[in-house]
Amino acid sequence: MAEKQILAIVTKNREKVGGTGPIFFADSDEELVHTATLLARVLAAAVHDLDNGSVVIVRH
């Protein structure tokens, strides 16, 4: 089975995320969804909602 890989995080809350991976900040729910969707298309990945104002972009 292929290893899962977190490619990026998109969030509205700067205090809840950190690390060395790509992090994109959004000002609204609409911007968060739009940014996450575009990244998932470009990276051929899936979006997973963490239900806390953040989503992770994951390649399965």
N, C-alpha and C. Protein backbone atom coordinates (compact mmCIF):
# COMPACT_ATOMS: atom_id res chain seq x y z
N MET A 1 0.84 -1.17 0.00
CA MET A 1 0.00 0.00 0.00
C MET A 1 0.89 1.24 0.00
N ALA A 2 0.50 2.25 -0.76
CA ALA A 2 1.26 3.49 -0.82
C ALA A 2 1.13 4.26 0.49
N GLU A 3 2.19 4.94 0.83
CA GLU A 3 2.20 5.73 2.07
C GLU A 3 1.39 7.01 1.88
N LYS A 4 0.62 7.37 2.88
CA LYS A 4 -0.14 8.62 2.85
C LYS A 4 0.81 9.76 3.20
N GLN A 5 0.55 10.92 2.57
CA GLN A 5 1.45 12.04 2.76
C GLN A 5 0.64 13.33 2.88
N ILE A 6 0.87 14.09 3.95
CA ILE A 6 0.24 15.41 4.08
C ILE A 6 1.03 16.38 3.23
N LEU A 7 0.34 17.01 2.29
CA LEU A 7 1.01 17.91 1.35
C LEU A 7 0.90 19.37 1.77
N ALA A 8 -0.21 19.74 2.44
CA ALA A 8 -0.41 21.14 2.83
C ALA A 8 -1.53 21.22 3.86
N ILE A 9 -1.59 22.35 4.53
CA ILE A 9 -2.67 22.67 5.46
C ILE A 9 -3.24 24.01 5.04
N VAL A 10 -4.57 24.12 5.07
CA VAL A 10 -5.25 25.39 4.85
C VAL A 10 -6.05 25.67 6.11
N THR A 11 -5.90 26.87 6.66
CA THR A 11 -6.55 27.16 7.94
C THR A 11 -7.01 28.61 8.03
N LYS A 12 -7.99 28.83 8.91
CA LYS A 12 -8.42 30.18 9.26
C LYS A 12 -7.82 30.60 10.59
N ASN A 13 -7.21 29.68 11.32
CA ASN A 13 -6.73 29.96 12.66
C ASN A 13 -5.22 29.79 12.73
N ARG A 14 -4.50 30.88 12.72
CA ARG A 14 -3.03 30.86 12.72
C ARG A 14 -2.45 30.23 13.99
N GLU A 15 -3.19 30.27 15.09
CA GLU A 15 -2.69 29.74 16.36
C GLU A 15 -2.77 28.22 16.47
N LYS A 16 -3.56 27.57 15.63
CA LYS A 16 -3.77 26.13 15.75
C LYS A 16 -2.87 25.29 14.86
N VAL A 17 -2.04 25.92 14.04
CA VAL A 17 -1.19 25.14 13.13
C VAL A 17 0.26 25.59 13.26
N GLY A 18 1.14 24.71 12.88
CA GLY A 18 2.56 25.03 12.88
C GLY A 18 3.32 23.91 12.21
N GLY A 19 4.57 24.12 12.03
CA GLY A 19 5.40 23.10 11.41
C GLY A 19 6.16 23.64 10.23
N THR A 20 6.75 22.73 9.50
CA THR A 20 7.60 23.13 8.38
C THR A 20 6.95 22.93 7.02
N GLY A 21 5.79 22.31 6.98
CA GLY A 21 5.11 22.08 5.70
C GLY A 21 4.41 23.33 5.22
N PRO A 22 3.92 23.29 3.99
CA PRO A 22 3.20 24.44 3.44
C PRO A 22 1.89 24.68 4.21
N ILE A 23 1.72 25.91 4.69
CA ILE A 23 0.50 26.30 5.39
C ILE A 23 -0.07 27.53 4.68
N PHE A 24 -1.34 27.45 4.30
CA PHE A 24 -2.03 28.54 3.63
C PHE A 24 -3.08 29.08 4.58
N PHE A 25 -3.15 30.40 4.72
CA PHE A 25 -4.11 31.03 5.62
C PHE A 25 -5.25 31.63 4.83
N ALA A 26 -6.48 31.43 5.34
CA ALA A 26 -7.69 31.95 4.70
C ALA A 26 -8.40 32.87 5.68
N ASP A 27 -9.09 33.87 5.14
CA ASP A 27 -9.82 34.82 5.97
C ASP A 27 -11.29 34.45 6.15
N SER A 28 -11.79 33.51 5.35
CA SER A 28 -13.20 33.14 5.43
C SER A 28 -13.37 31.66 5.08
N ASP A 29 -14.55 31.12 5.39
CA ASP A 29 -14.84 29.74 5.00
C ASP A 29 -14.77 29.56 3.50
N GLU A 30 -15.29 30.54 2.77
CA GLU A 30 -15.30 30.45 1.30
C GLU A 30 -13.87 30.41 0.75
N GLU A 31 -13.00 31.25 1.28
CA GLU A 31 -11.61 31.26 0.83
C GLU A 31 -10.91 29.95 1.19
N LEU A 32 -11.20 29.41 2.35
CA LEU A 32 -10.61 28.14 2.79
C LEU A 32 -11.00 27.02 1.83
N VAL A 33 -12.28 26.92 1.52
CA VAL A 33 -12.76 25.87 0.61
C VAL A 33 -12.18 26.05 -0.79
N HIS A 34 -12.17 27.27 -1.27
CA HIS A 34 -11.65 27.54 -2.62
C HIS A 34 -10.17 27.18 -2.72
N THR A 35 -9.37 27.63 -1.75
CA THR A 35 -7.94 27.35 -1.76
C THR A 35 -7.67 25.86 -1.64
N ALA A 36 -8.36 25.19 -0.74
CA ALA A 36 -8.17 23.75 -0.55
C ALA A 36 -8.54 22.97 -1.81
N THR A 37 -9.63 23.35 -2.45
CA THR A 37 -10.06 22.66 -3.66
C THR A 37 -9.05 22.83 -4.78
N LEU A 38 -8.56 24.03 -4.97
CA LEU A 38 -7.55 24.26 -6.02
C LEU A 38 -6.27 23.49 -5.74
N LEU A 39 -5.81 23.51 -4.50
CA LEU A 39 -4.60 22.76 -4.16
C LEU A 39 -4.79 21.26 -4.39
N ALA A 40 -5.92 20.74 -4.00
CA ALA A 40 -6.18 19.31 -4.19
C ALA A 40 -6.17 18.94 -5.67
N ARG A 41 -6.74 19.79 -6.51
CA ARG A 41 -6.73 19.52 -7.96
C ARG A 41 -5.31 19.53 -8.50
N VAL A 42 -4.56 20.55 -8.16
CA VAL A 42 -3.19 20.69 -8.67
C VAL A 42 -2.29 19.57 -8.18
N LEU A 43 -2.47 19.17 -6.93
CA LEU A 43 -1.60 18.16 -6.32
C LEU A 43 -2.12 16.73 -6.46
N ALA A 44 -3.27 16.56 -7.12
CA ALA A 44 -3.90 15.24 -7.26
C ALA A 44 -4.05 14.59 -5.90
N ALA A 45 -4.71 15.31 -4.99
CA ALA A 45 -4.82 14.86 -3.61
C ALA A 45 -6.26 15.03 -3.12
N ALA A 46 -6.48 14.67 -1.86
CA ALA A 46 -7.80 14.75 -1.25
C ALA A 46 -7.78 15.79 -0.12
N VAL A 47 -8.94 16.40 0.11
CA VAL A 47 -9.10 17.37 1.19
C VAL A 47 -9.81 16.69 2.35
N HIS A 48 -9.26 16.85 3.56
CA HIS A 48 -9.89 16.29 4.76
C HIS A 48 -10.13 17.43 5.75
N ASP A 49 -11.40 17.63 6.11
CA ASP A 49 -11.80 18.70 7.02
C ASP A 49 -11.57 18.25 8.45
N LEU A 50 -10.87 19.06 9.23
CA LEU A 50 -10.60 18.74 10.63
C LEU A 50 -11.67 19.30 11.57
N ASP A 51 -12.68 19.97 11.02
CA ASP A 51 -13.79 20.54 11.79
C ASP A 51 -13.34 21.55 12.84
N ASN A 52 -12.23 22.23 12.60
CA ASN A 52 -11.77 23.25 13.53
C ASN A 52 -11.27 24.49 12.79
N GLY A 53 -11.76 24.67 11.56
CA GLY A 53 -11.32 25.79 10.75
C GLY A 53 -10.07 25.47 9.95
N SER A 54 -9.69 24.21 9.91
CA SER A 54 -8.51 23.78 9.15
C SER A 54 -8.83 22.54 8.33
N VAL A 55 -8.14 22.43 7.20
CA VAL A 55 -8.22 21.21 6.39
C VAL A 55 -6.80 20.79 6.04
N VAL A 56 -6.62 19.49 5.81
CA VAL A 56 -5.33 18.98 5.34
C VAL A 56 -5.51 18.44 3.93
N ILE A 57 -4.50 18.65 3.14
CA ILE A 57 -4.47 18.13 1.77
C ILE A 57 -3.57 16.90 1.82
N VAL A 58 -4.12 15.75 1.48
CA VAL A 58 -3.41 14.47 1.64
C VAL A 58 -3.39 13.70 0.33
N ARG A 59 -2.22 13.16 0.02
CA ARG A 59 -2.12 12.23 -1.11
C ARG A 59 -2.20 10.82 -0.53
N HIS A 60 -3.14 10.04 -1.08
CA HIS A 60 -3.33 8.66 -0.61
C HIS A 60 -2.58 7.69 -1.49
